[in-house]
PDB file of N, CA and C in Angstrom:
ATOM      1  N   MET A   1      29.726 -33.668  22.606  1.00  0.00           N
ATOM      2  CA  MET A   1      30.157 -33.053  21.371  1.00  0.00           C
ATOM      3  C   MET A   1      29.108 -32.044  20.932  1.00  0.00           C
ATOM      4  N   PRO A   2      29.342 -30.755  21.219  1.00  0.00           N
ATOM      5  CA  PRO A   2      28.409 -29.743  20.743  1.00  0.00           C
ATOM      6  C   PRO A   2      28.468 -29.597  19.222  1.00  0.00           C
ATOM      7  N   TYR A   3      27.306 -29.395  18.651  1.00  0.00           N
ATOM      8  CA  TYR A   3      27.178 -29.129  17.222  1.00  0.00           C
ATOM      9  C   TYR A   3      26.298 -27.899  17.081  1.00  0.00           C
ATOM     10  N   VAL A   4      26.821 -26.866  16.442  1.00  0.00           N
ATOM     11  CA  VAL A   4      26.075 -25.632  16.239  1.00  0.00           C
ATOM     12  C   VAL A   4      25.973 -25.388  14.739  1.00  0.00           C
ATOM     13  N   ASN A   5      24.759 -25.161  14.257  1.00  0.00           N
ATOM     14  CA  ASN A   5      24.534 -24.876  12.847  1.00  0.00           C
ATOM     15  C   ASN A   5      24.060 -23.434  12.729  1.00  0.00           C
ATOM     16  N   VAL A   6      24.828 -22.614  12.021  1.00  0.00           N
ATOM     17  CA  VAL A   6      24.508 -21.214  11.816  1.00  0.00           C
ATOM     18  C   VAL A   6      24.083 -21.056  10.366  1.00  0.00           C
ATOM     19  N   ARG A   7      22.924 -20.491  10.151  1.00  0.00           N
ATOM     20  CA  ARG A   7      22.446 -20.260   8.789  1.00  0.00           C
ATOM     21  C   ARG A   7      22.342 -18.763   8.560  1.00  0.00           C
ATOM     22  N   ILE A   8      23.003 -18.323   7.491  1.00  0.00           N
ATOM     23  CA  ILE A   8      22.997 -16.915   7.140  1.00  0.00           C
ATOM     24  C   ILE A   8      22.723 -16.793   5.647  1.00  0.00           C
ATOM     25  N   THR A   9      22.299 -15.618   5.226  1.00  0.00           N
ATOM     26  CA  THR A   9      22.124 -15.419   3.796  1.00  0.00           C
ATOM     27  C   THR A   9      23.484 -15.209   3.137  1.00  0.00           C
ATOM     28  N   ARG A  10      23.591 -15.669   1.914  1.00  0.00           N
ATOM     29  CA  ARG A  10      24.824 -15.541   1.134  1.00  0.00           C
ATOM     30  C   ARG A  10      24.850 -14.145   0.536  1.00  0.00           C
ATOM     31  N   ASP A  11      25.574 -13.268   1.182  1.00  0.00           N
ATOM     32  CA  ASP A  11      25.616 -11.890   0.681  1.00  0.00           C
ATOM     33  C   ASP A  11      26.879 -11.168   1.123  1.00  0.00           C
ATOM     34  N   GLY A  12      28.001 -11.768   0.814  1.00  0.00           N
ATOM     35  CA  GLY A  12      29.254 -11.059   1.008  1.00  0.00           C
ATOM     36  C   GLY A  12      29.948 -11.250   2.339  1.00  0.00           C
ATOM     37  N   VAL A  13      29.585 -12.257   3.093  1.00  0.00           N
ATOM     38  CA  VAL A  13      30.292 -12.532   4.341  1.00  0.00           C
ATOM     39  C   VAL A  13      31.666 -13.088   3.983  1.00  0.00           C
ATOM     40  N   THR A  14      32.697 -12.537   4.599  1.00  0.00           N
ATOM     41  CA  THR A  14      34.054 -12.942   4.256  1.00  0.00           C
ATOM     42  C   THR A  14      34.480 -14.193   5.014  1.00  0.00           C
ATOM     43  N   ARG A  15      35.531 -14.815   4.513  1.00  0.00           N
ATOM     44  CA  ARG A  15      36.131 -15.979   5.171  1.00  0.00           C
ATOM     45  C   ARG A  15      36.578 -15.604   6.585  1.00  0.00           C
ATOM     46  N   GLU A  16      37.131 -14.408   6.727  1.00  0.00           N
ATOM     47  CA  GLU A  16      37.594 -13.947   8.033  1.00  0.00           C
ATOM     48  C   GLU A  16      36.434 -13.760   9.006  1.00  0.00           C
ATOM     49  N   GLN A  17      35.322 -13.219   8.522  1.00  0.00           N
ATOM     50  CA  GLN A  17      34.147 -13.041   9.386  1.00  0.00           C
ATOM     51  C   GLN A  17      33.607 -14.394   9.850  1.00  0.00           C
ATOM     52  N   LYS A  18      33.559 -15.364   8.934  1.00  0.00           N
ATOM     53  CA  LYS A  18      33.069 -16.699   9.311  1.00  0.00           C
ATOM     54  C   LYS A  18      34.008 -17.346  10.318  1.00  0.00           C
ATOM     55  N   ALA A  19      35.303 -17.174  10.144  1.00  0.00           N
ATOM     56  CA  ALA A  19      36.270 -17.727  11.098  1.00  0.00           C
ATOM     57  C   ALA A  19      36.070 -17.107  12.484  1.00  0.00           C
ATOM     58  N   THR A  20      35.783 -15.809  12.520  1.00  0.00           N
ATOM     59  CA  THR A  20      35.528 -15.135  13.795  1.00  0.00           C
ATOM     60  C   THR A  20      34.269 -15.675  14.463  1.00  0.00           C
ATOM     61  N   VAL A  21      33.214 -15.870  13.679  1.00  0.00           N
ATOM     62  CA  VAL A  21      31.971 -16.430  14.225  1.00  0.00           C
ATOM     63  C   VAL A  21      32.235 -17.815  14.823  1.00  0.00           C
ATOM     64  N   ILE A  22      32.946 -18.653  14.090  1.00  0.00           N
ATOM     65  CA  ILE A  22      33.254 -20.004  14.576  1.00  0.00           C
ATOM     66  C   ILE A  22      34.054 -19.937  15.872  1.00  0.00           C
ATOM     67  N   ALA A  23      35.076 -19.082  15.909  1.00  0.00           N
ATOM     68  CA  ALA A  23      35.919 -18.962  17.102  1.00  0.00           C
ATOM     69  C   ALA A  23      35.124 -18.458  18.300  1.00  0.00           C
ATOM     70  N   GLU A  24      34.270 -17.474  18.075  1.00  0.00           N
ATOM     71  CA  GLU A  24      33.526 -16.898  19.191  1.00  0.00           C
ATOM     72  C   GLU A  24      32.439 -17.832  19.711  1.00  0.00           C
ATOM     73  N   ILE A  25      31.784 -18.568  18.829  1.00  0.00           N
ATOM     74  CA  ILE A  25      30.801 -19.558  19.290  1.00  0.00           C
ATOM     75  C   ILE A  25      31.502 -20.640  20.089  1.00  0.00           C
ATOM     76  N   THR A  26      32.637 -21.103  19.592  1.00  0.00           N
ATOM     77  CA  THR A  26      33.410 -22.123  20.302  1.00  0.00           C
ATOM     78  C   THR A  26      33.828 -21.610  21.672  1.00  0.00           C
ATOM     79  N   ASP A  27      34.321 -20.383  21.730  1.00  0.00           N
ATOM     80  CA  ASP A  27      34.739 -19.782  22.998  1.00  0.00           C
ATOM     81  C   ASP A  27      33.571 -19.674  23.970  1.00  0.00           C
ATOM     82  N   THR A  28      32.413 -19.259  23.482  1.00  0.00           N
ATOM     83  CA  THR A  28      31.233 -19.130  24.345  1.00  0.00           C
ATOM     84  C   THR A  28      30.829 -20.473  24.937  1.00  0.00           C
ATOM     85  N   LEU A  29      30.823 -21.523  24.117  1.00  0.00           N
ATOM     86  CA  LEU A  29      30.451 -22.843  24.625  1.00  0.00           C
ATOM     87  C   LEU A  29      31.455 -23.343  25.656  1.00  0.00           C
ATOM     88  N   GLN A  30      32.723 -23.018  25.461  1.00  0.00           N
ATOM     89  CA  GLN A  30      33.729 -23.412  26.444  1.00  0.00           C
ATOM     90  C   GLN A  30      33.553 -22.628  27.739  1.00  0.00           C
ATOM     91  N   ARG A  31      33.415 -21.312  27.631  1.00  0.00           N
ATOM     92  CA  ARG A  31      33.335 -20.444  28.801  1.00  0.00           C
ATOM     93  C   ARG A  31      32.050 -20.663  29.600  1.00  0.00           C
ATOM     94  N   VAL A  32      30.926 -20.767  28.929  1.00  0.00           N
ATOM     95  CA  VAL A  32      29.639 -20.833  29.621  1.00  0.00           C
ATOM     96  C   VAL A  32      29.274 -22.253  30.029  1.00  0.00           C
ATOM     97  N   LEU A  33      29.528 -23.223  29.152  1.00  0.00           N
ATOM     98  CA  LEU A  33      29.089 -24.595  29.409  1.00  0.00           C
ATOM     99  C   LEU A  33      30.226 -25.567  29.713  1.00  0.00           C
ATOM    100  N   GLY A  34      31.467 -25.085  29.625  1.00  0.00           N
ATOM    101  CA  GLY A  34      32.599 -25.956  29.902  1.00  0.00           C
ATOM    102  C   GLY A  34      32.862 -26.991  28.813  1.00  0.00           C
ATOM    103  N   LYS A  35      32.415 -26.723  27.592  1.00  0.00           N
ATOM    104  CA  LYS A  35      32.599 -27.677  26.493  1.00  0.00           C
ATOM    105  C   LYS A  35      34.017 -27.580  25.940  1.00  0.00           C
ATOM    106  N   LYS A  36      34.575 -28.710  25.559  1.00  0.00           N
ATOM    107  CA  LYS A  36      35.923 -28.752  25.029  1.00  0.00           C
ATOM    108  C   LYS A  36      35.939 -28.245  23.584  1.00  0.00           C
ATOM    109  N   PRO A  37      36.799 -27.263  23.284  1.00  0.00           N
ATOM    110  CA  PRO A  37      36.871 -26.739  21.918  1.00  0.00           C
ATOM    111  C   PRO A  37      37.192 -27.812  20.884  1.00  0.00           C
ATOM    112  N   GLU A  38      38.024 -28.774  21.237  1.00  0.00           N
ATOM    113  CA  GLU A  38      38.400 -29.804  20.265  1.00  0.00           C
ATOM    114  C   GLU A  38      37.257 -30.757  19.931  1.00  0.00           C
ATOM    115  N   LEU A  39      36.163 -30.672  20.686  1.00  0.00           N
ATOM    116  CA  LEU A  39      34.993 -31.503  20.414  1.00  0.00           C
ATOM    117  C   LEU A  39      33.801 -30.691  19.901  1.00  0.00           C
ATOM    118  N   THR A  40      34.002 -29.388  19.734  1.00  0.00           N
ATOM    119  CA  THR A  40      32.924 -28.495  19.326  1.00  0.00           C
ATOM    120  C   THR A  40      32.942 -28.305  17.811  1.00  0.00           C
ATOM    121  N   HIS A  41      31.815 -28.544  17.199  1.00  0.00           N
ATOM    122  CA  HIS A  41      31.663 -28.399  15.747  1.00  0.00           C
ATOM    123  C   HIS A  41      30.721 -27.242  15.452  1.00  0.00           C
ATOM    124  N   VAL A  42      31.162 -26.348  14.579  1.00  0.00           N
ATOM    125  CA  VAL A  42      30.331 -25.216  14.150  1.00  0.00           C
ATOM    126  C   VAL A  42      30.274 -25.264  12.625  1.00  0.00           C
ATOM    127  N   VAL A  43      29.066 -25.287  12.089  1.00  0.00           N
ATOM    128  CA  VAL A  43      28.864 -25.334  10.644  1.00  0.00           C
ATOM    129  C   VAL A  43      28.096 -24.087  10.228  1.00  0.00           C
ATOM    130  N   ILE A  44      28.598 -23.414   9.214  1.00  0.00           N
ATOM    131  CA  ILE A  44      27.907 -22.238   8.683  1.00  0.00           C
ATOM    132  C   ILE A  44      27.340 -22.599   7.312  1.00  0.00           C
ATOM    133  N   ASP A  45      26.028 -22.498   7.181  1.00  0.00           N
ATOM    134  CA  ASP A  45      25.341 -22.701   5.902  1.00  0.00           C
ATOM    135  C   ASP A  45      24.996 -21.333   5.343  1.00  0.00           C
ATOM    136  N   GLU A  46      25.428 -21.074   4.120  1.00  0.00           N
ATOM    137  CA  GLU A  46      25.061 -19.837   3.455  1.00  0.00           C
ATOM    138  C   GLU A  46      23.918 -20.130   2.484  1.00  0.00           C
ATOM    139  N   ILE A  47      22.817 -19.421   2.657  1.00  0.00           N
ATOM    140  CA  ILE A  47      21.605 -19.651   1.895  1.00  0.00           C
ATOM    141  C   ILE A  47      21.399 -18.495   0.910  1.00  0.00           C
ATOM    142  N   ASN A  48      21.112 -18.819  -0.325  1.00  0.00           N
ATOM    143  CA  ASN A  48      20.815 -17.796  -1.318  1.00  0.00           C
ATOM    144  C   ASN A  48      19.592 -16.996  -0.871  1.00  0.00           C
ATOM    145  N   THR A  49      19.616 -15.698  -1.095  1.00  0.00           N
ATOM    146  CA  THR A  49      18.499 -14.858  -0.646  1.00  0.00           C
ATOM    147  C   THR A  49      17.177 -15.190  -1.347  1.00  0.00           C
ATOM    148  N   ASP A  50      17.246 -15.871  -2.506  1.00  0.00           N
ATOM    149  CA  ASP A  50      16.018 -16.343  -3.153  1.00  0.00           C
ATOM    150  C   ASP A  50      15.412 -17.527  -2.405  1.00  0.00           C
ATOM    151  N   ASP A  51      16.216 -18.181  -1.582  1.00  0.00           N
ATOM    152  CA  ASP A  51      15.775 -19.367  -0.850  1.00  0.00           C
ATOM    153  C   ASP A  51      15.483 -19.091   0.621  1.00  0.00           C
ATOM    154  N   TRP A  52      15.490 -17.837   1.001  1.00  0.00           N
ATOM    155  CA  TRP A  52      15.227 -17.451   2.386  1.00  0.00           C
ATOM    156  C   TRP A  52      14.145 -16.388   2.351  1.00  0.00           C
ATOM    157  N   GLY A  53      13.082 -16.601   3.072  1.00  0.00           N
ATOM    158  CA  GLY A  53      12.015 -15.618   3.055  1.00  0.00           C
ATOM    159  C   GLY A  53      11.369 -15.448   4.410  1.00  0.00           C
ATOM    160  N   PHE A  54      10.671 -14.355   4.546  1.00  0.00           N
ATOM    161  CA  PHE A  54       9.862 -14.105   5.738  1.00  0.00           C
ATOM    162  C   PHE A  54       8.786 -13.102   5.372  1.00  0.00           C
ATOM    163  N   ALA A  55       7.764 -13.078   6.143  1.00  0.00           N
ATOM    164  CA  ALA A  55       6.626 -12.180   5.902  1.00  0.00           C
ATOM    165  C   ALA A  55       6.047 -12.388   4.504  1.00  0.00           C
ATOM    166  N   GLY A  56       6.177 -13.601   3.976  1.00  0.00           N
ATOM    167  CA  GLY A  56       5.564 -13.951   2.713  1.00  0.00           C
ATOM    168  C   GLY A  56       6.360 -13.576   1.475  1.00  0.00           C
ATOM    169  N   GLU A  57       7.593 -13.105   1.658  1.00  0.00           N
ATOM    170  CA  GLU A  57       8.410 -12.705   0.510  1.00  0.00           C
ATOM    171  C   GLU A  57       9.829 -13.237   0.665  1.00  0.00           C
ATOM    172  N   THR A  58      10.535 -13.334  -0.474  1.00  0.00           N
ATOM    173  CA  THR A  58      11.938 -13.737  -0.385  1.00  0.00           C
ATOM    174  C   THR A  58      12.763 -12.562   0.128  1.00  0.00           C
ATOM    175  N   THR A  59      13.892 -12.901   0.699  1.00  0.00           N
ATOM    176  CA  THR A  59      14.810 -11.864   1.174  1.00  0.00           C
ATOM    177  C   THR A  59      15.278 -10.999   0.012  1.00  0.00           C
ATOM    178  N   THR A  60      15.442 -11.583  -1.167  1.00  0.00           N
ATOM    179  CA  THR A  60      15.847 -10.820  -2.347  1.00  0.00           C
ATOM    180  C   THR A  60      14.856  -9.691  -2.628  1.00  0.00           C
ATOM    181  N   VAL A  61      13.572 -10.000  -2.613  1.00  0.00           N
ATOM    182  CA  VAL A  61      12.531  -9.004  -2.879  1.00  0.00           C
ATOM    183  C   VAL A  61      12.518  -7.936  -1.790  1.00  0.00           C
ATOM    184  N   ILE A  62      12.603  -8.354  -0.542  1.00  0.00           N
ATOM    185  CA  ILE A  62      12.572  -7.406   0.581  1.00  0.00           C
ATOM    186  C   ILE A  62      13.747  -6.444   0.497  1.00  0.00           C
ATOM    187  N   ARG A  63      14.931  -6.970   0.243  1.00  0.00           N
ATOM    188  CA  ARG A  63      16.128  -6.119   0.184  1.00  0.00           C
ATOM    189  C   ARG A  63      16.074  -5.177  -1.023  1.00  0.00           C
ATOM    190  N   ALA A  64      15.561  -5.642  -2.133  1.00  0.00           N
ATOM    191  CA  ALA A  64      15.448  -4.783  -3.322  1.00  0.00           C
ATOM    192  C   ALA A  64      14.500  -3.618  -3.036  1.00  0.00           C
ATOM    193  N   ARG A  65      13.401  -3.910  -2.370  1.00  0.00           N
ATOM    194  CA  ARG A  65      12.446  -2.846  -2.026  1.00  0.00           C
ATOM    195  C   ARG A  65      13.083  -1.842  -1.076  1.00  0.00           C
ATOM    196  N   GLU A  66      13.818  -2.344  -0.071  1.00  0.00           N
ATOM    197  CA  GLU A  66      14.465  -1.448   0.883  1.00  0.00           C
ATOM    198  C   GLU A  66      15.536  -0.594   0.211  1.00  0.00           C
ATOM    199  N   ALA A  67      16.265  -1.167  -0.743  1.00  0.00           N
ATOM    200  CA  ALA A  67      17.315  -0.433  -1.444  1.00  0.00           C
ATOM    201  C   ALA A  67      16.744   0.668  -2.322  1.00  0.00           C
ATOM    202  N   ALA A  68      15.506   0.473  -2.794  1.00  0.00           N
ATOM    203  CA  ALA A  68      14.868   1.451  -3.675  1.00  0.00           C
ATOM    204  C   ALA A  68      14.358   2.668  -2.909  1.00  0.00           C
ATOM    205  N   ARG A  69      14.277   2.556  -1.621  1.00  0.00           N
ATOM    206  CA  ARG A  69      13.754   3.671  -0.802  1.00  0.00           C
ATOM    207  C   ARG A  69      14.740   4.790  -0.692  1.00  0.00           C
TER     208      ARG A  69
END
């Protein structure tokens, strides 16, 4: 039973886009590893940009700085 956890920032990803990600990950596991789609679980966690950071700053701060350029 494959379990895949995808974590992305919460910033406007649509229901349709998430469905596509789930379908394509499931397809890849079936095609490459022979895993059964009916046993494959894909979970998408959407994280607030205030709760995701890198290079010592939150994603919110980084994106605001980039938008100001």
